[in-house]
Amino acid sequence: MKRYHDMVELLEAVEGNIESLKKSYEAAKCDEEQKAVLRPLVKSSMEHLRSVLEYSAQDIWDSITLKVKSCISLMGKKSLFSRNKQRGICQDCAKRNQKCSR
């Protein structure tokens, strides 16, 4: 819940944007110029909502994982496929813990 206050702040901004959009919606039905003015407001509201979802996902991930995050390069860490390949084990044989005969 580290990001809770940021999420609340973003949701309040979106709520304010929605209220102003409701007020401007009727005028925008007939006025093309008004539609163009509302587009950035709609886009920023959607970006705020996306950020809230991302913050939520990060908090959930942090709460269910007990791993200590470390800075390991993806290229520096060998994949399971590479390790098995070096040992001569294909994926099917790895599931059965056998040496590959291929």
C-alpha atoms as a PDB file:
ATOM      1  CA  MET A   1       0.000   0.000   0.000  1.00  0.00           C
ATOM      2  CA  LYS A   2       2.970   2.278  -0.549  1.00  0.00           C
ATOM      3  CA  ARG A   3       1.281   3.980  -3.463  1.00  0.00           C
ATOM      4  CA  TYR A   4      -2.161   4.392  -1.900  1.00  0.00           C
ATOM      5  CA  HIS A   5      -2.016   8.175  -1.528  1.00  0.00           C
ATOM      6  CA  ASP A   6      -0.819   8.584  -5.118  1.00  0.00           C
ATOM      7  CA  MET A   7      -3.717   6.439  -6.329  1.00  0.00           C
ATOM      8  CA  VAL A   8      -6.257   8.447  -4.322  1.00  0.00           C
ATOM      9  CA  GLU A   9      -4.834  11.692  -5.689  1.00  0.00           C
ATOM     10  CA  LEU A  10      -5.099  10.438  -9.265  1.00  0.00           C
ATOM     11  CA  LEU A  11      -8.640   9.164  -8.728  1.00  0.00           C
ATOM     12  CA  GLU A  12      -9.686  12.544  -7.323  1.00  0.00           C
ATOM     13  CA  ALA A  13      -8.218  14.265 -10.392  1.00  0.00           C
ATOM     14  CA  VAL A  14     -10.115  11.875 -12.662  1.00  0.00           C
ATOM     15  CA  GLU A  15     -13.325  12.527 -10.729  1.00  0.00           C
ATOM     16  CA  GLY A  16     -12.858  16.273 -11.263  1.00  0.00           C
ATOM     17  CA  ASN A  17     -12.195  15.691 -14.957  1.00  0.00           C
ATOM     18  CA  ILE A  18     -15.362  13.611 -15.261  1.00  0.00           C
ATOM     19  CA  GLU A  19     -17.428  16.373 -13.685  1.00  0.00           C
ATOM     20  CA  SER A  20     -16.048  18.967 -16.102  1.00  0.00           C
ATOM     21  CA  LEU A  21     -16.586  16.560 -19.012  1.00  0.00           C
ATOM     22  CA  LYS A  22     -20.232  16.101 -18.020  1.00  0.00           C
ATOM     23  CA  LYS A  23     -20.722  19.870 -18.065  1.00  0.00           C
ATOM     24  CA  SER A  24     -19.038  20.264 -21.441  1.00  0.00           C
ATOM     25  CA  TYR A  25     -20.596  17.214 -23.101  1.00  0.00           C
ATOM     26  CA  GLU A  26     -23.817  18.887 -24.202  1.00  0.00           C
ATOM     27  CA  ALA A  27     -21.967  21.783 -25.787  1.00  0.00           C
ATOM     28  CA  ALA A  28     -19.624  19.385 -27.573  1.00  0.00           C
ATOM     29  CA  LYS A  29     -22.479  17.609 -29.375  1.00  0.00           C
ATOM     30  CA  CYS A  30     -22.845  20.510 -31.796  1.00  0.00           C
ATOM     31  CA  ASP A  31     -19.455  22.188 -31.696  1.00  0.00           C
ATOM     32  CA  GLU A  32     -16.466  20.505 -33.390  1.00  0.00           C
ATOM     33  CA  GLU A  33     -14.055  22.913 -31.726  1.00  0.00           C
ATOM     34  CA  GLN A  34     -15.327  21.923 -28.308  1.00  0.00           C
ATOM     35  CA  LYS A  35     -14.703  18.243 -29.134  1.00  0.00           C
ATOM     36  CA  ALA A  36     -11.069  18.980 -29.930  1.00  0.00           C
ATOM     37  CA  VAL A  37     -10.653  20.798 -26.615  1.00  0.00           C
ATOM     38  CA  LEU A  38     -12.081  17.844 -24.658  1.00  0.00           C
ATOM     39  CA  ARG A  39      -9.797  15.208 -26.211  1.00  0.00           C
ATOM     40  CA  PRO A  40      -6.728  16.053 -24.072  1.00  0.00           C
ATOM     41  CA  LEU A  41      -8.866  15.960 -20.925  1.00  0.00           C
ATOM     42  CA  VAL A  42     -10.219  12.524 -21.807  1.00  0.00           C
ATOM     43  CA  LYS A  43      -6.719  11.284 -22.685  1.00  0.00           C
ATOM     44  CA  SER A  44      -5.198  12.521 -19.422  1.00  0.00           C
ATOM     45  CA  SER A  45      -8.047  10.939 -17.457  1.00  0.00           C
ATOM     46  CA  MET A  46      -7.410   7.598 -19.145  1.00  0.00           C
ATOM     47  CA  GLU A  47      -3.678   7.890 -18.424  1.00  0.00           C
ATOM     48  CA  HIS A  48      -4.439   8.583 -14.753  1.00  0.00           C
ATOM     49  CA  LEU A  49      -6.683   5.514 -14.578  1.00  0.00           C
ATOM     50  CA  ARG A  50      -3.996   3.396 -16.211  1.00  0.00           C
ATOM     51  CA  SER A  51      -1.480   4.626 -13.638  1.00  0.00           C
ATOM     52  CA  VAL A  52      -3.848   3.695 -10.813  1.00  0.00           C
ATOM     53  CA  LEU A  53      -4.182   0.182 -12.238  1.00  0.00           C
ATOM     54  CA  GLU A  54      -0.418  -0.119 -12.586  1.00  0.00           C
ATOM     55  CA  TYR A  55       0.171   1.069  -9.014  1.00  0.00           C
ATOM     56  CA  SER A  56      -2.430  -1.436  -7.788  1.00  0.00           C
ATOM     57  CA  ALA A  57      -0.771  -4.265  -9.691  1.00  0.00           C
ATOM     58  CA  GLN A  58       2.630  -3.331  -8.283  1.00  0.00           C
ATOM     59  CA  ASP A  59       1.280  -3.237  -4.725  1.00  0.00           C
ATOM     60  CA  ILE A  60      -0.386  -6.624  -5.190  1.00  0.00           C
ATOM     61  CA  TRP A  61       2.806  -8.093  -6.640  1.00  0.00           C
ATOM     62  CA  ASP A  62       4.862  -6.678  -3.770  1.00  0.00           C
ATOM     63  CA  SER A  63       2.453  -8.124  -1.222  1.00  0.00           C
ATOM     64  CA  ILE A  64       2.485 -11.665  -2.635  1.00  0.00           C
ATOM     65  CA  THR A  65       6.180 -12.001  -3.382  1.00  0.00           C
ATOM     66  CA  LEU A  66       8.684 -12.418  -0.626  1.00  0.00           C
ATOM     67  CA  LYS A  67      11.725 -12.178  -2.853  1.00  0.00           C
ATOM     68  CA  VAL A  68      14.234  -9.448  -2.282  1.00  0.00           C
ATOM     69  CA  LYS A  69      14.517  -7.435  -5.438  1.00  0.00           C
ATOM     70  CA  SER A  70      18.017  -7.255  -6.780  1.00  0.00           C
ATOM     71  CA  CYS A  71      19.611  -5.616  -9.749  1.00  0.00           C
ATOM     72  CA  ILE A  72      20.542  -8.573 -11.922  1.00  0.00           C
ATOM     73  CA  SER A  73      20.990  -8.062 -15.612  1.00  0.00           C
ATOM     74  CA  LEU A  74      18.718 -10.232 -17.715  1.00  0.00           C
ATOM     75  CA  MET A  75      21.697 -11.082 -19.884  1.00  0.00           C
ATOM     76  CA  GLY A  76      23.767 -11.996 -16.830  1.00  0.00           C
ATOM     77  CA  LYS A  77      21.336 -14.626 -15.594  1.00  0.00           C
ATOM     78  CA  LYS A  78      21.131 -17.849 -17.592  1.00  0.00           C
ATOM     79  CA  SER A  79      17.711 -19.114 -18.513  1.00  0.00           C
ATOM     80  CA  LEU A  80      16.510 -22.593 -17.649  1.00  0.00           C
ATOM     81  CA  PHE A  81      16.632 -23.441 -21.349  1.00  0.00           C
ATOM     82  CA  SER A  82      20.322 -22.435 -21.605  1.00  0.00           C
ATOM     83  CA  ARG A  83      21.303 -24.393 -18.497  1.00  0.00           C
ATOM     84  CA  ASN A  84      19.479 -27.510 -19.679  1.00  0.00           C
ATOM     85  CA  LYS A  85      20.968 -27.179 -23.147  1.00  0.00           C
ATOM     86  CA  GLN A  86      24.468 -27.088 -21.672  1.00  0.00           C
ATOM     87  CA  ARG A  87      23.726 -30.223 -19.664  1.00  0.00           C
ATOM     88  CA  GLY A  88      22.292 -31.941 -22.741  1.00  0.00           C
ATOM     89  CA  ILE A  89      18.689 -31.966 -21.553  1.00  0.00           C
ATOM     90  CA  CYS A  90      15.783 -30.997 -23.761  1.00  0.00           C
ATOM     91  CA  GLN A  91      12.595 -29.580 -22.276  1.00  0.00           C
ATOM     92  CA  ASP A  92      10.696 -32.864 -22.469  1.00  0.00           C
ATOM     93  CA  CYS A  93      13.517 -34.773 -20.789  1.00  0.00           C
ATOM     94  CA  ALA A  94      13.901 -32.047 -18.151  1.00  0.00           C
ATOM     95  CA  LYS A  95      10.323 -32.689 -17.046  1.00  0.00           C
ATOM     96  CA  ARG A  96      11.195 -36.367 -16.577  1.00  0.00           C
ATOM     97  CA  ASN A  97      14.691 -35.626 -15.146  1.00  0.00           C
ATOM     98  CA  GLN A  98      16.408 -37.678 -17.848  1.00  0.00           C
ATOM     99  CA  LYS A  99      19.384 -37.107 -20.134  1.00  0.00           C
ATOM    100  CA  CYS A 100      18.379 -36.283 -23.674  1.00  0.00           C
ATOM    101  CA  SER A 101      18.971 -38.990 -26.264  1.00  0.00           C
ATOM    102  CA  ARG A 102      18.462 -36.626 -29.209  1.00  0.00           C
END
